[in-house]
Amino acid sequence: GEKVELFVNGVSKGFGEQSKRFLFTFKNIAWESGELKAVSYDAQGSKLSEFAHRTAGEPAQVKLTLHTSPQGFYADGADFILVDVEVVDARGQRCPTSNAMIHFTLDGPAEWRGGLAQGPDNYILSKDLPVECGVNRVIVRSTTQAGKVTVRAASEGLKGASVSVSSKSVRTENGLSERLPGAGLPSYLDRGPTPEGASYTVTRIPVGIAGATSAVHQDRLQRSYDDNELSEWTNDGNIRTGWVTYTLEREALISEVTMKLTGWRMREYPIEIMVDNQVVFSGRTERSLGYVTLPVKPTRGKTVTVRLTGANTENDAFRAIVELSGNIELDLFRDPNAGASEGQLRIVEVEFYEPVR
């Protein structure tokens, strides 16, 4: 909508101040228990939509909601049910401030797989599980024995709840079920068949590298184009040796150069790129989370040279990121032979592309 009106318990508090397309701010609104409703209007003042939140009452009971496959619950040892657990008020409305501990019991031929919550060991496999913001979910897996399965939930001071489902027997042969889990499920083709033809557009074609030369570490050059992100080529830290000339498999119109350079998230490399000795790019590479693609002046040639033109600079552009392994891949100081960092050219992978004609 173009404007939004706020109502507190049926009383209008006026129209909000729009700061973003979908953000309207209402100032000096005192808290009241009850109903908070927003109504949107178009530019002509016609109502478009409305939505209300209502204050929940005191926690009164536990509510369980059972989810199974549309075909039911099968005793094949692999099927499962999901059970939503909520703490609700006397009207059945979820209490979003409740973090009550729920105590579960399971009866029947099934295996408890539990749920997750913040706490000791994340409550994995525990039958005591708190709701968070009034809600959580648990999983129960079938066994190979059919029968009635019942999940009960209780919490101190609240009315408890239970749900039941009967698992269906499954015919097996040599321990394997003859039933496919998705067999018989409905298909929805309302949007029609998949259109014929490719679902993507190719804008560039890779040009292979036949070989390369450099001033130092010739034996490592293939590492810069071996499609292995755990290997790299580096010079000796001297700016004058910071260059590599690649010989292409064929003459091509080079329009893009994609590179992954060591220290990609911290380091800017001042480089020059030449195609058959014609400068097609001059500038600094961006800090990134991996590969950078440099649009170059489309130029036809058989060789491409990447050359360091000055000292590179370092500054972590993504300080909040911590690798899952706890290590920085190919970090700046791993290779003791790389020399002074400001004079390093360290290439993990380089790729050359020509446009689709």
Protein backbone atom coordinates (compact mmCIF):
# COMPACT_ATOMS: atom_id res chain seq x y z
CA GLY A 1 0.00 0.00 0.00
CA GLU A 2 0.88 3.65 -0.31
CA LYS A 3 -0.09 4.35 3.31
CA VAL A 4 -0.76 2.30 6.42
CA GLU A 5 -3.06 3.02 9.37
CA LEU A 6 -2.54 1.48 12.81
CA PHE A 7 -5.32 0.49 15.20
CA VAL A 8 -4.88 -0.44 18.87
CA ASN A 9 -7.97 -2.16 20.21
CA GLY A 10 -10.05 -0.59 17.48
CA VAL A 11 -8.76 2.97 18.02
CA SER A 12 -6.87 4.55 15.11
CA LYS A 13 -3.38 5.81 15.89
CA GLY A 14 -3.03 7.54 12.53
CA PHE A 15 -0.85 6.84 9.53
CA GLY A 16 2.77 5.73 9.66
CA GLU A 17 5.80 7.48 8.28
CA GLN A 18 7.14 5.55 5.29
CA SER A 19 10.95 5.22 5.22
CA LYS A 20 11.23 2.14 2.97
CA ARG A 21 8.81 0.61 0.51
CA PHE A 22 7.40 -1.77 3.12
CA LEU A 23 8.43 0.03 6.33
CA PHE A 24 6.02 2.38 8.09
CA THR A 25 6.92 3.77 11.52
CA PHE A 26 4.39 4.80 14.17
CA LYS A 27 5.79 6.90 16.99
CA ASN A 28 4.73 7.16 20.64
CA ILE A 29 2.47 4.10 20.67
CA ALA A 30 1.91 2.93 24.24
CA TRP A 31 1.64 -0.80 24.95
CA GLU A 32 -1.87 -2.13 25.49
CA SER A 33 -2.99 -5.70 25.80
CA GLY A 34 -5.45 -6.70 23.11
CA GLU A 35 -5.43 -6.33 19.33
CA LEU A 36 -2.87 -4.53 17.16
CA LYS A 37 -4.08 -4.13 13.58
CA ALA A 38 -2.54 -2.56 10.46
CA VAL A 39 -4.60 -1.56 7.42
CA SER A 40 -3.03 -0.59 4.09
CA TYR A 41 -4.51 1.68 1.43
CA ASP A 42 -3.73 2.60 -2.14
CA ALA A 43 -3.07 6.17 -3.31
CA GLN A 44 -6.82 6.78 -3.73
CA GLY A 45 -7.56 5.71 -0.15
CA SER A 46 -9.14 2.33 -0.96
CA LYS A 47 -8.35 -0.43 1.53
CA LEU A 48 -6.00 -3.09 0.17
CA SER A 49 -5.26 -5.38 3.10
CA GLU A 50 -5.25 -5.76 6.86
CA PHE A 51 -3.54 -7.94 9.43
CA ALA A 52 -3.86 -8.21 13.19
CA HIS A 53 -1.86 -9.57 16.11
CA ARG A 54 -3.63 -10.40 19.36
CA THR A 55 -2.04 -10.63 22.76
CA ALA A 56 -1.88 -14.19 24.02
CA GLY A 57 -3.27 -15.04 27.42
CA GLU A 58 -1.49 -16.93 30.16
CA PRO A 59 -0.09 -20.36 29.18
CA ALA A 60 -2.80 -22.92 29.79
CA GLN A 61 -2.12 -26.09 27.88
CA VAL A 62 0.15 -28.08 25.59
CA LYS A 63 -1.00 -28.55 22.01
CA LEU A 64 0.26 -31.33 19.70
CA THR A 65 -0.18 -31.41 15.92
CA LEU A 66 0.60 -34.61 14.01
CA HIS A 67 2.11 -34.65 10.51
CA THR A 68 2.37 -37.82 8.41
CA SER A 69 2.79 -38.63 4.74
CA PRO A 70 -0.48 -38.27 2.78
CA GLN A 71 -0.41 -42.07 2.53
CA GLY A 72 -0.02 -42.61 6.27
CA PHE A 73 2.71 -44.00 8.52
CA TYR A 74 4.45 -47.18 7.36
CA ALA A 75 6.18 -49.75 9.55
CA ASP A 76 9.24 -50.09 7.32
CA GLY A 77 11.81 -48.92 9.85
CA ALA A 78 12.47 -45.75 7.85
CA ASP A 79 9.22 -43.77 7.80
CA PHE A 80 8.67 -41.05 10.38
CA ILE A 81 6.09 -38.67 11.80
CA LEU A 82 6.56 -35.07 12.87
CA VAL A 83 4.78 -33.76 15.94
CA ASP A 84 4.53 -30.02 16.51
CA VAL A 85 4.35 -29.02 20.17
CA GLU A 86 3.04 -25.63 21.27
CA VAL A 87 2.22 -23.92 24.54
CA VAL A 88 -1.11 -22.14 24.05
CA ASP A 89 -3.54 -20.05 26.08
CA ALA A 90 -7.12 -21.04 26.92
CA ARG A 91 -8.25 -19.96 23.42
CA GLY A 92 -5.62 -22.10 21.70
CA GLN A 93 -3.40 -19.15 20.73
CA ARG A 94 0.33 -19.79 20.93
CA CYS A 95 2.15 -18.07 23.80
CA PRO A 96 5.24 -16.61 22.11
CA THR A 97 7.07 -15.83 25.35
CA SER A 98 6.88 -19.38 26.70
CA ASN A 99 10.05 -21.46 27.00
CA ALA A 100 8.41 -24.18 29.07
CA MET A 101 10.01 -27.60 29.43
CA ILE A 102 7.93 -30.34 27.82
CA HIS A 103 8.15 -33.95 29.05
CA PHE A 104 7.36 -36.53 26.35
CA THR A 105 6.48 -40.20 26.55
CA LEU A 106 6.26 -42.61 23.62
CA ASP A 107 4.18 -45.77 23.52
CA GLY A 108 3.99 -48.34 20.75
CA PRO A 109 6.29 -49.78 18.09
CA ALA A 110 8.33 -46.67 17.22
CA GLU A 111 11.72 -45.09 17.92
CA TRP A 112 12.15 -41.69 19.55
CA ARG A 113 14.36 -39.34 17.50
CA GLY A 114 13.47 -36.20 19.41
CA GLY A 115 14.08 -32.59 18.53
CA LEU A 116 16.49 -29.70 19.06
CA ALA A 117 16.69 -26.70 21.37
CA GLN A 118 19.33 -24.49 22.90
CA GLY A 119 20.77 -26.21 25.95
CA PRO A 120 22.93 -29.12 27.07
CA ASP A 121 23.88 -31.18 24.00
CA ASN A 122 21.05 -29.35 22.19
CA TYR A 123 18.65 -31.84 23.84
CA ILE A 124 19.47 -34.38 21.13
CA LEU A 125 17.36 -37.55 21.62
CA SER A 126 16.10 -36.24 24.96
CA LYS A 127 12.47 -36.75 25.92
CA ASP A 128 12.63 -33.51 27.90
CA LEU A 129 12.61 -30.67 25.38
CA PRO A 130 11.76 -26.99 25.87
CA VAL A 131 9.65 -24.98 23.49
CA GLU A 132 11.28 -21.85 22.12
CA CYS A 133 8.96 -18.88 21.59
CA GLY A 134 6.16 -21.29 22.42
CA VAL A 135 6.87 -23.92 19.76
CA ASN A 136 9.08 -26.87 18.86
CA ARG A 137 8.90 -30.12 16.89
CA VAL A 138 9.89 -33.74 17.51
CA ILE A 139 10.44 -36.73 15.23
CA VAL A 140 9.38 -40.36 15.76
CA ARG A 141 10.58 -43.12 13.46
CA SER A 142 8.75 -46.34 12.69
CA THR A 143 10.05 -49.83 13.35
CA THR A 144 9.36 -52.90 11.24
CA GLN A 145 6.46 -53.81 13.54
CA ALA A 146 3.05 -52.31 12.81
CA GLY A 147 0.82 -50.96 15.57
CA LYS A 148 -0.57 -47.96 17.40
CA VAL A 149 1.94 -45.24 18.30
CA THR A 150 1.10 -42.59 20.89
CA VAL A 151 3.04 -39.46 21.79
CA ARG A 152 2.12 -37.71 25.04
CA ALA A 153 3.35 -34.32 26.22
CA ALA A 154 3.12 -32.76 29.67
CA SER A 155 4.46 -29.63 31.33
CA GLU A 156 4.25 -28.40 34.90
CA GLY A 157 1.17 -26.26 35.47
CA LEU A 158 -0.25 -26.92 32.00
CA LYS A 159 -2.89 -29.28 30.66
CA GLY A 160 -1.19 -32.08 28.72
CA ALA A 161 -1.93 -33.47 25.26
CA SER A 162 -1.48 -36.61 23.20
CA VAL A 163 -1.69 -37.77 19.56
CA SER A 164 -1.89 -41.27 18.15
CA VAL A 165 -1.35 -42.91 14.78
CA SER A 166 -1.32 -46.53 13.65
CA SER A 167 1.58 -47.60 11.46
CA LYS A 168 0.78 -49.77 8.45
CA SER A 169 2.43 -53.10 7.84
CA VAL A 170 4.85 -53.35 4.93
CA ARG A 171 5.67 -56.44 2.89
CA THR A 172 9.38 -57.12 2.65
CA GLU A 173 11.58 -59.60 0.86
CA ASN A 174 15.06 -60.35 2.15
CA GLY A 175 14.71 -57.38 4.48
CA LEU A 176 13.85 -54.93 1.71
CA SER A 177 10.52 -53.20 1.26
CA GLU A 178 8.77 -53.46 -2.09
CA ARG A 179 7.23 -50.03 -1.54
CA LEU A 180 8.79 -46.81 -2.83
CA PRO A 181 8.20 -43.86 -0.46
CA GLY A 182 6.96 -41.59 -3.25
CA ALA A 183 4.77 -44.12 -4.99
CA GLY A 184 1.18 -42.96 -5.36
CA LEU A 185 1.77 -39.41 -4.21
CA PRO A 186 -0.14 -36.83 -6.27
CA SER A 187 1.57 -34.70 -8.90
CA TYR A 188 0.66 -31.10 -9.60
CA LEU A 189 1.17 -29.92 -13.16
CA ASP A 190 -1.09 -26.85 -13.02
CA ARG A 191 1.72 -24.65 -14.34
CA GLY A 192 2.17 -26.81 -17.40
CA PRO A 193 5.10 -28.82 -18.72
CA THR A 194 8.70 -27.69 -18.58
CA PRO A 195 9.38 -25.48 -21.61
CA GLU A 196 11.45 -27.05 -24.36
CA GLY A 197 15.05 -25.97 -24.77
CA ALA A 198 17.76 -24.97 -22.33
CA SER A 199 16.82 -23.23 -19.09
CA TYR A 200 19.98 -21.11 -19.15
CA THR A 201 21.85 -18.85 -21.56
CA VAL A 202 25.52 -19.37 -22.39
CA THR A 203 27.31 -16.02 -22.72
CA ARG A 204 30.93 -17.14 -22.70
CA ILE A 205 33.10 -20.09 -23.71
CA PRO A 206 36.22 -21.21 -21.81
CA VAL A 207 39.51 -21.19 -23.69
CA GLY A 208 41.96 -23.89 -22.61
CA ILE A 209 45.56 -23.26 -21.57
CA ALA A 210 48.31 -25.19 -23.38
CA GLY A 211 51.21 -24.04 -21.22
CA ALA A 212 52.79 -21.15 -19.32
CA THR A 213 56.09 -19.41 -18.61
CA SER A 214 57.31 -17.24 -15.74
CA ALA A 215 60.51 -15.82 -14.28
CA VAL A 216 60.51 -18.19 -11.27
CA HIS A 217 59.07 -21.49 -10.11
CA GLN A 218 58.43 -22.83 -13.60
CA ASP A 219 57.79 -26.30 -12.19
CA ARG A 220 54.76 -25.01 -10.27
CA LEU A 221 53.04 -23.10 -13.07
CA GLN A 222 50.50 -25.79 -13.87
CA ARG A 223 49.13 -25.40 -10.35
CA SER A 224 47.63 -22.07 -11.41
CA TYR A 225 45.35 -23.73 -13.97
CA ASP A 226 45.01 -27.36 -12.80
CA ASP A 227 41.44 -26.97 -11.51
CA ASN A 228 42.67 -27.80 -8.02
CA GLU A 229 41.81 -25.17 -5.43
CA LEU A 230 44.27 -26.64 -2.94
CA SER A 231 47.30 -25.79 -5.11
CA GLU A 232 48.82 -22.49 -6.20
CA TRP A 233 51.69 -20.86 -8.09
CA THR A 234 53.58 -18.03 -6.45
CA ASN A 235 56.57 -15.89 -7.34
CA ASP A 236 59.43 -15.22 -4.90
CA GLY A 237 58.03 -11.99 -3.43
CA ASN A 238 59.87 -9.73 -5.87
CA ILE A 239 57.50 -7.50 -7.82
CA ARG A 240 59.67 -7.88 -10.95
CA THR A 241 59.08 -11.65 -10.97
CA GLY A 242 55.34 -11.31 -10.41
CA TRP A 243 54.19 -12.30 -13.90
CA VAL A 244 52.98 -15.33 -15.82
CA THR A 245 52.42 -15.65 -19.58
CA TYR A 246 49.86 -18.29 -20.58
CA THR A 247 49.76 -19.84 -24.04
CA LEU A 248 46.23 -20.64 -25.13
CA GLU A 249 45.20 -23.81 -26.92
CA ARG A 250 44.02 -21.65 -29.81
CA GLU A 251 43.76 -18.05 -30.82
CA ALA A 252 40.66 -16.52 -29.24
CA LEU A 253 38.86 -13.24 -28.59
CA ILE A 254 39.47 -12.91 -24.83
CA SER A 255 36.73 -10.88 -23.10
CA GLU A 256 36.82 -12.10 -19.48
CA VAL A 257 39.48 -13.33 -17.08
CA THR A 258 38.42 -15.16 -13.93
CA MET A 259 40.93 -15.71 -11.13
CA LYS A 260 41.18 -17.00 -7.62
CA LEU A 261 44.14 -15.39 -5.89
CA THR A 262 45.55 -16.44 -2.53
CA GLY A 263 44.35 -14.25 0.28
CA TRP A 264 41.27 -13.45 -1.78
CA ARG A 265 39.30 -12.00 1.11
CA MET A 266 42.16 -9.84 2.45
CA ARG A 267 44.37 -8.83 -0.45
CA GLU A 268 44.08 -6.47 -3.39
CA TYR A 269 46.51 -7.22 -6.22
CA PRO A 270 47.49 -4.38 -8.56
CA ILE A 271 47.77 -6.17 -11.88
CA GLU A 272 47.94 -5.65 -15.61
CA ILE A 273 46.58 -8.16 -18.12
CA MET A 274 47.85 -8.28 -21.69
CA VAL A 275 46.65 -10.28 -24.68
CA ASP A 276 49.50 -10.68 -27.17
CA ASN A 277 51.27 -7.75 -25.44
CA GLN A 278 48.22 -5.47 -25.72
CA VAL A 279 47.04 -4.15 -22.32
CA VAL A 280 43.39 -5.12 -21.84
CA PHE A 281 43.06 -4.56 -18.08
CA SER A 282 44.87 -2.42 -15.51
CA GLY A 283 43.72 -2.04 -11.91
CA ARG A 284 43.33 -3.74 -8.55
CA THR A 285 41.53 -7.00 -7.99
CA GLU A 286 38.63 -6.84 -5.56
CA ARG A 287 38.68 -8.61 -2.20
CA SER A 288 36.14 -11.37 -2.42
CA LEU A 289 34.94 -14.71 -1.10
CA GLY A 290 36.75 -16.57 -3.84
CA TYR A 291 36.85 -15.96 -7.57
CA VAL A 292 36.88 -12.53 -9.21
CA THR A 293 35.87 -12.01 -12.83
CA LEU A 294 37.60 -9.14 -14.61
CA PRO A 295 35.94 -7.76 -17.74
CA VAL A 296 38.75 -6.98 -20.16
CA LYS A 297 38.83 -5.13 -23.44
CA PRO A 298 37.89 -7.86 -25.96
CA THR A 299 41.12 -8.64 -27.79
CA ARG A 300 42.13 -11.50 -30.05
CA GLY A 301 45.36 -13.33 -29.34
CA LYS A 302 47.18 -16.53 -28.49
CA THR A 303 48.91 -15.50 -25.22
CA VAL A 304 47.68 -13.85 -22.03
CA THR A 305 50.04 -12.27 -19.49
CA VAL A 306 49.06 -11.51 -15.89
CA ARG A 307 51.58 -9.11 -14.32
CA LEU A 308 51.93 -7.52 -10.90
CA THR A 309 52.39 -3.75 -11.31
CA GLY A 310 53.05 -2.71 -7.71
CA ALA A 311 52.82 -3.65 -4.06
CA ASN A 312 49.60 -5.32 -3.01
CA THR A 313 47.62 -4.26 0.06
CA GLU A 314 45.89 -6.30 2.75
CA ASN A 315 42.75 -5.58 4.76
CA ASP A 316 40.20 -8.21 5.77
CA ALA A 317 36.96 -7.33 4.01
CA PHE A 318 34.98 -10.13 5.68
CA ARG A 319 36.09 -10.14 9.33
CA ALA A 320 32.93 -11.84 10.58
CA ILE A 321 33.59 -14.99 8.56
CA VAL A 322 35.21 -17.98 10.26
CA GLU A 323 35.87 -21.10 8.24
CA LEU A 324 34.21 -24.27 9.55
CA SER A 325 37.60 -25.96 9.66
CA GLY A 326 39.02 -23.16 11.79
CA ASN A 327 41.68 -22.55 9.11
CA ILE A 328 42.00 -20.07 6.29
CA GLU A 329 42.46 -21.92 3.02
CA LEU A 330 45.83 -21.16 1.40
CA ASP A 331 46.35 -18.33 3.89
CA LEU A 332 48.83 -15.58 3.31
CA PHE A 333 51.71 -17.06 5.26
CA ARG A 334 51.63 -20.78 4.51
CA ASP A 335 54.36 -20.84 1.84
CA PRO A 336 57.74 -19.87 3.37
CA ASN A 337 59.19 -19.45 -0.15
CA ALA A 338 56.64 -16.87 -1.26
CA GLY A 339 58.78 -13.93 -0.12
CA ALA A 340 57.62 -10.51 1.07
CA SER A 341 53.82 -10.37 1.01
CA GLU A 342 53.64 -6.97 -0.71
CA GLY A 343 55.52 -8.33 -3.73
CA GLN A 344 53.70 -11.63 -4.04
CA LEU A 345 51.62 -12.78 -6.97
CA ARG A 346 49.86 -15.98 -5.88
CA ILE A 347 47.44 -17.60 -8.31
CA VAL A 348 45.24 -20.49 -7.22
CA GLU A 349 43.31 -20.73 -10.51
CA VAL A 350 43.06 -18.64 -13.67
CA GLU A 351 40.53 -19.05 -16.49
CA PHE A 352 40.10 -17.26 -19.81
CA TYR A 353 36.85 -16.81 -21.73
CA GLU A 354 35.67 -15.60 -25.11
CA PRO A 355 32.13 -14.37 -25.81
CA VAL A 356 29.52 -16.46 -27.57
CA ARG A 357 29.24 -15.19 -31.12
